[in-house]
Amino acid sequence: NAHGSAGEVDPADLGNLETSVSAYHGATPLSQEFS
């Protein structure tokens, strides 16, 4: 802590890392001009 007092912790007790997976919408159909 801020006062320098330390205590041992079990790494298995710490929480999960926040991660999210992006959605996949696939390729958008293009007009003839863009093609």
Full PDB file with SEQRES, HELIX, SHEET, SSBOND, CRYST1, ORIGX, SCALE, CONECT and MASTER records, all heavy atoms in Angstrom:
SEQRES   1 A   35  ASN ALA HIS GLY SER ALA GLY GLU VAL ASP PRO ALA ASP          
SEQRES   2 A   35  LEU GLY ASN LEU GLU THR SER VAL SER ALA TYR HIS GLY          
SEQRES   3 A   35  ALA THR PRO LEU SER GLN GLU PHE SER                          
HELIX    1 AA1 PRO A   11  ASP A   13  5                                   3    
CRYST1    1.000    1.000    1.000  90.00  90.00  90.00 P 1           1          
ORIGX1      1.000000  0.000000  0.000000        0.00000                         
ORIGX2      0.000000  1.000000  0.000000        0.00000                         
ORIGX3      0.000000  0.000000  1.000000        0.00000                         
SCALE1      1.000000  0.000000  0.000000        0.00000                         
SCALE2      0.000000  1.000000  0.000000        0.00000                         
SCALE3      0.000000  0.000000  1.000000        0.00000                         
ATOM      1  N   ASN A   1       0.831  -1.200   0.000  1.00  0.00           N  
ATOM      2  CA  ASN A   1       0.000   0.000   0.000  1.00  0.00           C  
ATOM      3  C   ASN A   1       0.869   1.255   0.000  1.00  0.00           C  
ATOM      4  O   ASN A   1       2.100   1.180  -0.109  1.00  0.00           O  
ATOM      5  CB  ASN A   1      -0.968  -0.005   1.190  1.00  0.00           C  
ATOM      6  CG  ASN A   1      -0.227  -0.087   2.524  1.00  0.00           C  
ATOM      7  OD1 ASN A   1       0.952   0.255   2.619  1.00  0.00           O  
ATOM      8  ND2 ASN A   1      -0.921  -0.542   3.549  1.00  0.00           N  
ATOM      9  N   ALA A   2       0.228   2.407   0.132  1.00  0.00           N  
ATOM     10  CA  ALA A   2       0.955   3.679   0.065  1.00  0.00           C  
ATOM     11  C   ALA A   2       1.938   3.844   1.205  1.00  0.00           C  
ATOM     12  O   ALA A   2       2.897   4.625   1.110  1.00  0.00           O  
ATOM     13  CB  ALA A   2      -0.041   4.833   0.060  1.00  0.00           C  
ATOM     14  N   HIS A   3       1.730   3.118   2.303  1.00  0.00           N  
ATOM     15  CA  HIS A   3       2.628   3.223   3.454  1.00  0.00           C  
ATOM     16  C   HIS A   3       3.777   2.212   3.393  1.00  0.00           C  
ATOM     17  O   HIS A   3       4.592   2.158   4.312  1.00  0.00           O  
ATOM     18  CB  HIS A   3       1.829   3.022   4.748  1.00  0.00           C  
ATOM     19  CG  HIS A   3       0.682   3.983   4.895  1.00  0.00           C  
ATOM     20  ND1 HIS A   3       0.860   5.314   5.189  1.00  0.00           N  
ATOM     21  CD2 HIS A   3      -0.660   3.794   4.767  1.00  0.00           C  
ATOM     22  CE1 HIS A   3      -0.314   5.913   5.249  1.00  0.00           C  
ATOM     23  NE2 HIS A   3      -1.253   5.018   4.992  1.00  0.00           N  
ATOM     24  N   GLY A   4       3.814   1.400   2.355  1.00  0.00           N  
ATOM     25  CA  GLY A   4       4.890   0.431   2.212  1.00  0.00           C  
ATOM     26  C   GLY A   4       4.639  -0.887   2.907  1.00  0.00           C  
ATOM     27  O   GLY A   4       5.538  -1.731   2.967  1.00  0.00           O  
ATOM     28  N   SER A   5       3.428  -1.092   3.421  1.00  0.00           N  
ATOM     29  CA  SER A   5       3.110  -2.368   4.055  1.00  0.00           C  
ATOM     30  C   SER A   5       2.672  -3.355   2.979  1.00  0.00           C  
ATOM     31  O   SER A   5       1.736  -3.086   2.218  1.00  0.00           O  
ATOM     32  CB  SER A   5       1.985  -2.184   5.081  1.00  0.00           C  
ATOM     33  OG  SER A   5       2.398  -1.304   6.109  1.00  0.00           O  
ATOM     34  N   ALA A   6       3.346  -4.493   2.923  1.00  0.00           N  
ATOM     35  CA  ALA A   6       3.088  -5.478   1.872  1.00  0.00           C  
ATOM     36  C   ALA A   6       2.490  -6.743   2.461  1.00  0.00           C  
ATOM     37  O   ALA A   6       2.742  -7.100   3.621  1.00  0.00           O  
ATOM     38  CB  ALA A   6       4.378  -5.803   1.127  1.00  0.00           C  
ATOM     39  N   GLY A   7       1.687  -7.412   1.658  1.00  0.00           N  
ATOM     40  CA  GLY A   7       1.116  -8.688   2.050  1.00  0.00           C  
ATOM     41  C   GLY A   7       1.076  -9.631   0.874  1.00  0.00           C  
ATOM     42  O   GLY A   7       0.864  -9.211  -0.263  1.00  0.00           O  
ATOM     43  N   GLU A   8       1.250 -10.916   1.127  1.00  0.00           N  
ATOM     44  CA  GLU A   8       1.271 -11.901   0.041  1.00  0.00           C  
ATOM     45  C   GLU A   8      -0.146 -12.212  -0.401  1.00  0.00           C  
ATOM     46  O   GLU A   8      -1.068 -12.297   0.414  1.00  0.00           O  
ATOM     47  CB  GLU A   8       1.981 -13.171   0.483  1.00  0.00           C  
ATOM     48  CG  GLU A   8       2.200 -14.172  -0.647  1.00  0.00           C  
ATOM     49  CD  GLU A   8       3.148 -15.294  -0.285  1.00  0.00           C  
ATOM     50  OE1 GLU A   8       3.557 -15.361   0.889  1.00  0.00           O  
ATOM     51  OE2 GLU A   8       3.487 -16.091  -1.175  1.00  0.00           O  
ATOM     52  N   VAL A   9      -0.316 -12.365  -1.708  1.00  0.00           N  
ATOM     53  CA  VAL A   9      -1.615 -12.706  -2.285  1.00  0.00           C  
ATOM     54  C   VAL A   9      -1.445 -13.932  -3.173  1.00  0.00           C  
ATOM     55  O   VAL A   9      -0.353 -14.217  -3.672  1.00  0.00           O  
ATOM     56  CB  VAL A   9      -2.195 -11.530  -3.108  1.00  0.00           C  
ATOM     57  CG1 VAL A   9      -2.460 -10.327  -2.227  1.00  0.00           C  
ATOM     58  CG2 VAL A   9      -1.267 -11.158  -4.258  1.00  0.00           C  
ATOM     59  N   ASP A  10      -2.545 -14.643  -3.363  1.00  0.00           N  
ATOM     60  CA  ASP A  10      -2.556 -15.795  -4.264  1.00  0.00           C  
ATOM     61  C   ASP A  10      -2.916 -15.295  -5.657  1.00  0.00           C  
ATOM     62  O   ASP A  10      -4.005 -14.746  -5.859  1.00  0.00           O  
ATOM     63  CB  ASP A  10      -3.578 -16.818  -3.788  1.00  0.00           C  
ATOM     64  CG  ASP A  10      -3.555 -18.103  -4.615  1.00  0.00           C  
ATOM     65  OD1 ASP A  10      -2.836 -18.136  -5.636  1.00  0.00           O  
ATOM     66  OD2 ASP A  10      -4.262 -19.053  -4.248  1.00  0.00           O  
ATOM     67  N   PRO A  11      -2.018 -15.448  -6.658  1.00  0.00           N  
ATOM     68  CA  PRO A  11      -2.330 -14.971  -8.010  1.00  0.00           C  
ATOM     69  C   PRO A  11      -3.617 -15.554  -8.577  1.00  0.00           C  
ATOM     70  O   PRO A  11      -4.284 -14.911  -9.394  1.00  0.00           O  
ATOM     71  CB  PRO A  11      -1.115 -15.414  -8.827  1.00  0.00           C  
ATOM     72  CG  PRO A  11      -0.001 -15.539  -7.827  1.00  0.00           C  
ATOM     73  CD  PRO A  11      -0.667 -16.010  -6.569  1.00  0.00           C  
ATOM     74  N   ALA A  12      -3.993 -16.750  -8.125  1.00  0.00           N  
ATOM     75  CA  ALA A  12      -5.208 -17.379  -8.643  1.00  0.00           C  
ATOM     76  C   ALA A  12      -6.465 -16.665  -8.176  1.00  0.00           C  
ATOM     77  O   ALA A  12      -7.538 -16.848  -8.760  1.00  0.00           O  
ATOM     78  CB  ALA A  12      -5.258 -18.847  -8.219  1.00  0.00           C  
ATOM     79  N   ASP A  13      -6.358 -15.839  -7.124  1.00  0.00           N  
ATOM     80  CA  ASP A  13      -7.527 -15.152  -6.585  1.00  0.00           C  
ATOM     81  C   ASP A  13      -7.811 -13.824  -7.282  1.00  0.00           C  
ATOM     82  O   ASP A  13      -8.844 -13.202  -7.020  1.00  0.00           O  
ATOM     83  CB  ASP A  13      -7.354 -14.889  -5.087  1.00  0.00           C  
ATOM     84  CG  ASP A  13      -7.338 -16.186  -4.282  1.00  0.00           C  
ATOM     85  OD1 ASP A  13      -7.876 -17.196  -4.788  1.00  0.00           O  
ATOM     86  OD2 ASP A  13      -6.795 -16.182  -3.163  1.00  0.00           O  
ATOM     87  N   LEU A  14      -6.890 -13.363  -8.131  1.00  0.00           N  
ATOM     88  CA  LEU A  14      -7.077 -12.079  -8.788  1.00  0.00           C  
ATOM     89  C   LEU A  14      -8.053 -12.228  -9.955  1.00  0.00           C  
ATOM     90  O   LEU A  14      -8.172 -13.293 -10.559  1.00  0.00           O  
ATOM     91  CB  LEU A  14      -5.740 -11.513  -9.263  1.00  0.00           C  
ATOM     92  CG  LEU A  14      -4.730 -11.247  -8.142  1.00  0.00           C  
ATOM     93  CD1 LEU A  14      -3.461 -10.635  -8.698  1.00  0.00           C  
ATOM     94  CD2 LEU A  14      -5.320 -10.334  -7.074  1.00  0.00           C  
ATOM     95  N   GLY A  15      -8.731 -11.143 -10.308  1.00  0.00           N  
ATOM     96  CA  GLY A  15      -9.821 -11.191 -11.283  1.00  0.00           C  
ATOM     97  C   GLY A  15      -9.370 -11.402 -12.713  1.00  0.00           C  
ATOM     98  O   GLY A  15      -8.182 -11.541 -13.011  1.00  0.00           O  
ATOM     99  N   ASN A  16     -10.360 -11.398 -13.621  1.00  0.00           N  
ATOM    100  CA  ASN A  16     -10.103 -11.602 -15.042  1.00  0.00           C  
ATOM    101  C   ASN A  16      -9.704 -10.300 -15.713  1.00  0.00           C  
ATOM    102  O   ASN A  16     -10.018  -9.211 -15.241  1.00  0.00           O  
ATOM    103  CB  ASN A  16     -11.345 -12.165 -15.736  1.00  0.00           C  
ATOM    104  CG  ASN A  16     -11.644 -13.587 -15.294  1.00  0.00           C  
ATOM    105  OD1 ASN A  16     -10.737 -14.355 -15.007  1.00  0.00           O  
ATOM    106  ND2 ASN A  16     -12.920 -13.927 -15.224  1.00  0.00           N  
ATOM    107  N   LEU A  17      -9.001 -10.445 -16.826  1.00  0.00           N  
ATOM    108  CA  LEU A  17      -8.664  -9.300 -17.659  1.00  0.00           C  
ATOM    109  C   LEU A  17      -9.837  -9.006 -18.591  1.00  0.00           C  
ATOM    110  O   LEU A  17     -10.434  -9.917 -19.160  1.00  0.00           O  
ATOM    111  CB  LEU A  17      -7.405  -9.597 -18.484  1.00  0.00           C  
ATOM    112  CG  LEU A  17      -6.128  -9.839 -17.682  1.00  0.00           C  
ATOM    113  CD1 LEU A  17      -5.013 -10.293 -18.617  1.00  0.00           C  
ATOM    114  CD2 LEU A  17      -5.696  -8.583 -16.947  1.00  0.00           C  
ATOM    115  N   GLU A  18     -10.153  -7.732 -18.720  1.00  0.00           N  
ATOM    116  CA  GLU A  18     -11.294  -7.354 -19.545  1.00  0.00           C  
ATOM    117  C   GLU A  18     -10.905  -7.352 -21.015  1.00  0.00           C  
ATOM    118  O   GLU A  18     -10.013  -6.632 -21.435  1.00  0.00           O  
ATOM    119  CB  GLU A  18     -11.802  -5.972 -19.129  1.00  0.00           C  
ATOM    120  CG  GLU A  18     -12.327  -5.917 -17.697  1.00  0.00           C  
ATOM    121  CD  GLU A  18     -12.847  -4.542 -17.342  1.00  0.00           C  
ATOM    122  OE1 GLU A  18     -12.947  -3.705 -18.266  1.00  0.00           O  
ATOM    123  OE2 GLU A  18     -13.138  -4.297 -16.162  1.00  0.00           O  
ATOM    124  N   THR A  19     -11.584  -8.184 -21.792  1.00  0.00           N  
ATOM    125  CA  THR A  19     -11.338  -8.290 -23.230  1.00  0.00           C  
ATOM    126  C   THR A  19     -12.663  -8.543 -23.929  1.00  0.00           C  
ATOM    127  O   THR A  19     -13.502  -9.282 -23.432  1.00  0.00           O  
ATOM    128  CB  THR A  19     -10.381  -9.458 -23.542  1.00  0.00           C  
ATOM    129  OG1 THR A  19      -9.216  -9.346 -22.738  1.00  0.00           O  
ATOM    130  CG2 THR A  19      -9.963  -9.434 -24.998  1.00  0.00           C  
ATOM    131  N   SER A  20     -12.829  -7.924 -25.070  1.00  0.00           N  
ATOM    132  CA  SER A  20     -14.030  -8.165 -25.863  1.00  0.00           C  
ATOM    133  C   SER A  20     -13.637  -8.522 -27.285  1.00  0.00           C  
ATOM    134  O   SER A  20     -12.595  -8.092 -27.778  1.00  0.00           O  
ATOM    135  CB  SER A  20     -14.942  -6.934 -25.860  1.00  0.00           C  
ATOM    136  OG  SER A  20     -14.268  -5.808 -26.384  1.00  0.00           O  
ATOM    137  N   VAL A  21     -14.475  -9.332 -27.938  1.00  0.00           N  
ATOM    138  CA  VAL A  21     -14.232  -9.776 -29.310  1.00  0.00           C  
ATOM    139  C   VAL A  21     -15.051  -8.916 -30.253  1.00  0.00           C  
ATOM    140  O   VAL A  21     -16.250  -8.704 -30.042  1.00  0.00           O  
ATOM    141  CB  VAL A  21     -14.604 -11.259 -29.483  1.00  0.00           C  
ATOM    142  CG1 VAL A  21     -14.319 -11.712 -30.906  1.00  0.00           C  
ATOM    143  CG2 VAL A  21     -13.846 -12.112 -28.486  1.00  0.00           C  
ATOM    144  N   SER A  22     -14.412  -8.413 -31.278  1.00  0.00           N  
ATOM    145  CA  SER A  22     -15.116  -7.585 -32.256  1.00  0.00           C  
ATOM    146  C   SER A  22     -16.055  -8.445 -33.100  1.00  0.00           C  
ATOM    147  O   SER A  22     -15.759  -9.604 -33.404  1.00  0.00           O  
ATOM    148  CB  SER A  22     -14.115  -6.868 -33.168  1.00  0.00           C  
ATOM    149  OG  SER A  22     -13.235  -6.058 -32.417  1.00  0.00           O  
ATOM    150  N   ALA A  23     -17.174  -7.864 -33.462  1.00  0.00           N  
ATOM    151  CA  ALA A  23     -18.103  -8.556 -34.358  1.00  0.00           C  
ATOM    152  C   ALA A  23     -17.557  -8.544 -35.782  1.00  0.00           C  
ATOM    153  O   ALA A  23     -16.772  -7.674 -36.153  1.00  0.00           O  
ATOM    154  CB  ALA A  23     -19.469  -7.883 -34.304  1.00  0.00           C  
ATOM    155  N   TYR A  24     -17.973  -9.514 -36.578  1.00  0.00           N  
ATOM    156  CA  TYR A  24     -17.515  -9.623 -37.969  1.00  0.00           C  
ATOM    157  C   TYR A  24     -18.721  -9.469 -38.881  1.00  0.00           C  
ATOM    158  O   TYR A  24     -19.616 -10.301 -38.894  1.00  0.00           O  
ATOM    159  CB  TYR A  24     -16.832 -10.972 -38.187  1.00  0.00           C  
ATOM    160  CG  TYR A  24     -16.263 -11.161 -39.575  1.00  0.00           C  
ATOM    161  CD1 TYR A  24     -15.693 -10.103 -40.268  1.00  0.00           C  
ATOM    162  CD2 TYR A  24     -16.307 -12.404 -40.194  1.00  0.00           C  
ATOM    163  CE1 TYR A  24     -15.170 -10.272 -41.534  1.00  0.00           C  
ATOM    164  CE2 TYR A  24     -15.767 -12.593 -41.464  1.00  0.00           C  
ATOM    165  CZ  TYR A  24     -15.213 -11.518 -42.133  1.00  0.00           C  
ATOM    166  OH  TYR A  24     -14.702 -11.684 -43.386  1.00  0.00           O  
ATOM    167  N   HIS A  25     -18.740  -8.375 -39.633  1.00  0.00           N  
ATOM    168  CA  HIS A  25     -19.880  -8.088 -40.496  1.00  0.00           C  
ATOM    169  C   HIS A  25     -19.658  -8.532 -41.940  1.00  0.00           C  
ATOM    170  O   HIS A  25     -20.592  -8.492 -42.744  1.00  0.00           O  
ATOM    171  CB  HIS A  25     -20.175  -6.582 -40.476  1.00  0.00           C  
ATOM    172  CG  HIS A  25     -20.509  -6.076 -39.103  1.00  0.00           C  
ATOM    173  ND1 HIS A  25     -21.738  -6.272 -38.516  1.00  0.00           N  
ATOM    174  CD2 HIS A  25     -19.760  -5.401 -38.201  1.00  0.00           C  
ATOM    175  CE1 HIS A  25     -21.741  -5.722 -37.318  1.00  0.00           C  
ATOM    176  NE2 HIS A  25     -20.564  -5.189 -37.091  1.00  0.00           N  
ATOM    177  N   GLY A  26     -18.438  -8.932 -42.281  1.00  0.00           N  
ATOM    178  CA  GLY A  26     -18.169  -9.354 -43.651  1.00  0.00           C  
ATOM    179  C   GLY A  26     -18.065  -8.182 -44.604  1.00  0.00           C  
ATOM    180  O   GLY A  26     -18.338  -7.024 -44.253  1.00  0.00           O  
ATOM    181  N   ALA A  27     -17.639  -8.469 -45.817  1.00  0.00           N  
ATOM    182  CA  ALA A  27     -17.448  -7.418 -46.812  1.00  0.00           C  
ATOM    183  C   ALA A  27     -18.791  -6.850 -47.257  1.00  0.00           C  
ATOM    184  O   ALA A  27     -19.757  -7.581 -47.476  1.00  0.00           O  
ATOM    185  CB  ALA A  27     -16.682  -7.959 -48.011  1.00  0.00           C  
ATOM    186  N   THR A  28     -18.846  -5.525 -47.398  1.00  0.00           N  
ATOM    187  CA  THR A  28     -20.045  -4.851 -47.866  1.00  0.00           C  
ATOM    188  C   THR A  28     -20.102  -4.899 -49.394  1.00  0.00           C  
ATOM    189  O   THR A  28     -19.097  -4.595 -50.056  1.00  0.00           O  
ATOM    190  CB  THR A  28     -20.050  -3.385 -47.393  1.00  0.00           C  
ATOM    191  OG1 THR A  28     -19.948  -3.355 -45.971  1.00  0.00           O  
ATOM    192  CG2 THR A  28     -21.312  -2.680 -47.836  1.00  0.00           C  
ATOM    193  N   PRO A  29     -21.231  -5.285 -49.979  1.00  0.00           N  
ATOM    194  CA  PRO A  29     -21.323  -5.286 -51.455  1.00  0.00           C  
ATOM    195  C   PRO A  29     -21.060  -3.881 -52.004  1.00  0.00           C  
ATOM    196  O   PRO A  29     -21.546  -2.881 -51.468  1.00  0.00           O  
ATOM    197  CB  PRO A  29     -22.769  -5.727 -51.705  1.00  0.00           C  
ATOM    198  CG  PRO A  29     -23.172  -6.448 -50.464  1.00  0.00           C  
ATOM    199  CD  PRO A  29     -22.453  -5.778 -49.342  1.00  0.00           C  
ATOM    200  N   LEU A  30     -20.304  -3.823 -53.094  1.00  0.00           N  
ATOM    201  CA  LEU A  30     -19.905  -2.535 -53.673  1.00  0.00           C  
ATOM    202  C   LEU A  30     -20.665  -2.267 -54.971  1.00  0.00           C  
ATOM    203  O   LEU A  30     -21.030  -3.196 -55.703  1.00  0.00           O  
ATOM    204  CB  LEU A  30     -18.394  -2.524 -53.947  1.00  0.00           C  
ATOM    205  CG  LEU A  30     -17.483  -2.712 -52.728  1.00  0.00           C  
ATOM    206  CD1 LEU A  30     -16.040  -2.794 -53.174  1.00  0.00           C  
ATOM    207  CD2 LEU A  30     -17.675  -1.576 -51.732  1.00  0.00           C  
ATOM    208  N   SER A  31     -20.872  -1.007 -55.252  1.00  0.00           N  
ATOM    209  CA  SER A  31     -21.514  -0.614 -56.512  1.00  0.00           C  
ATOM    210  C   SER A  31     -20.538  -0.826 -57.663  1.00  0.00           C  
ATOM    211  O   SER A  31     -19.337  -1.006 -57.460  1.00  0.00           O  
ATOM    212  CB  SER A  31     -21.933   0.851 -56.444  1.00  0.00           C  
ATOM    213  OG  SER A  31     -20.797   1.692 -56.322  1.00  0.00           O  
ATOM    214  N   GLN A  32     -21.038  -0.782 -58.875  1.00  0.00           N  
ATOM    215  CA  GLN A  32     -20.196  -0.991 -60.047  1.00  0.00           C  
ATOM    216  C   GLN A  32     -19.142   0.098 -60.156  1.00  0.00           C  
ATOM    217  O   GLN A  32     -17.993  -0.173 -60.535  1.00  0.00           O  
ATOM    218  CB  GLN A  32     -21.053  -1.025 -61.309  1.00  0.00           C  
ATOM    219  CG  GLN A  32     -20.256  -1.321 -62.584  1.00  0.00           C  
ATOM    220  CD  GLN A  32     -21.141  -1.395 -63.814  1.00  0.00           C  
ATOM    221  OE1 GLN A  32     -22.355  -1.222 -63.720  1.00  0.00           O  
ATOM    222  NE2 GLN A  32     -20.543  -1.663 -64.961  1.00  0.00           N  
ATOM    223  N   GLU A  33     -19.500   1.353 -59.811  1.00  0.00           N  
ATOM    224  CA  GLU A  33     -18.532   2.458 -59.894  1.00  0.00           C  
ATOM    225  C   GLU A  33     -17.357   2.217 -58.959  1.00  0.00           C  
ATOM    226  O   GLU A  33     -16.195   2.427 -59.334  1.00  0.00           O  
ATOM    227  CB  GLU A  33     -19.215   3.783 -59.550  1.00  0.00           C  
ATOM    228  CG  GLU A  33     -20.246   4.249 -60.562  1.00  0.00           C  
ATOM    229  CD  GLU A  33     -21.583   3.552 -60.375  1.00  0.00           C  
ATOM    230  OE1 GLU A  33     -21.699   2.749 -59.413  1.00  0.00           O  
ATOM    231  OE2 GLU A  33     -22.505   3.795 -61.180  1.00  0.00           O  
ATOM    232  N   PHE A  34     -17.639   1.753 -57.732  1.00  0.00           N  
ATOM    233  CA  PHE A  34     -16.556   1.498 -56.793  1.00  0.00           C  
ATOM    234  C   PHE A  34     -15.716   0.300 -57.231  1.00  0.00           C  
ATOM    235  O   PHE A  34     -14.492   0.277 -57.045  1.00  0.00           O  
ATOM    236  CB  PHE A  34     -17.113   1.268 -55.385  1.00  0.00           C  
ATOM    237  CG  PHE A  34     -17.531   2.535 -54.682  1.00  0.00           C  
ATOM    238  CD1 PHE A  34     -18.657   2.564 -53.877  1.00  0.00           C  
ATOM    239  CD2 PHE A  34     -16.796   3.699 -54.817  1.00  0.00           C  
ATOM    240  CE1 PHE A  34     -19.041   3.726 -53.233  1.00  0.00           C  
ATOM    241  CE2 PHE A  34     -17.170   4.866 -54.178  1.00  0.00           C  
ATOM    242  CZ  PHE A  34     -18.297   4.882 -53.378  1.00  0.00           C  
ATOM    243  N   SER A  35     -16.347  -0.700 -57.811  1.00  0.00           N  
ATOM    244  CA  SER A  35     -15.593  -1.868 -58.291  1.00  0.00           C  
ATOM    245  C   SER A  35     -14.615  -1.462 -59.384  1.00  0.00           C  
ATOM    246  O   SER A  35     -13.467  -1.936 -59.424  1.00  0.00           O  
ATOM    247  CB  SER A  35     -16.556  -2.938 -58.800  1.00  0.00           C  
ATOM    248  OG  SER A  35     -17.411  -3.380 -57.773  1.00  0.00           O  
TER     249      SER A  35                                                      
MASTER        0    0    0    1    0    0    0    6  248    1    0    3          
END                                                                             
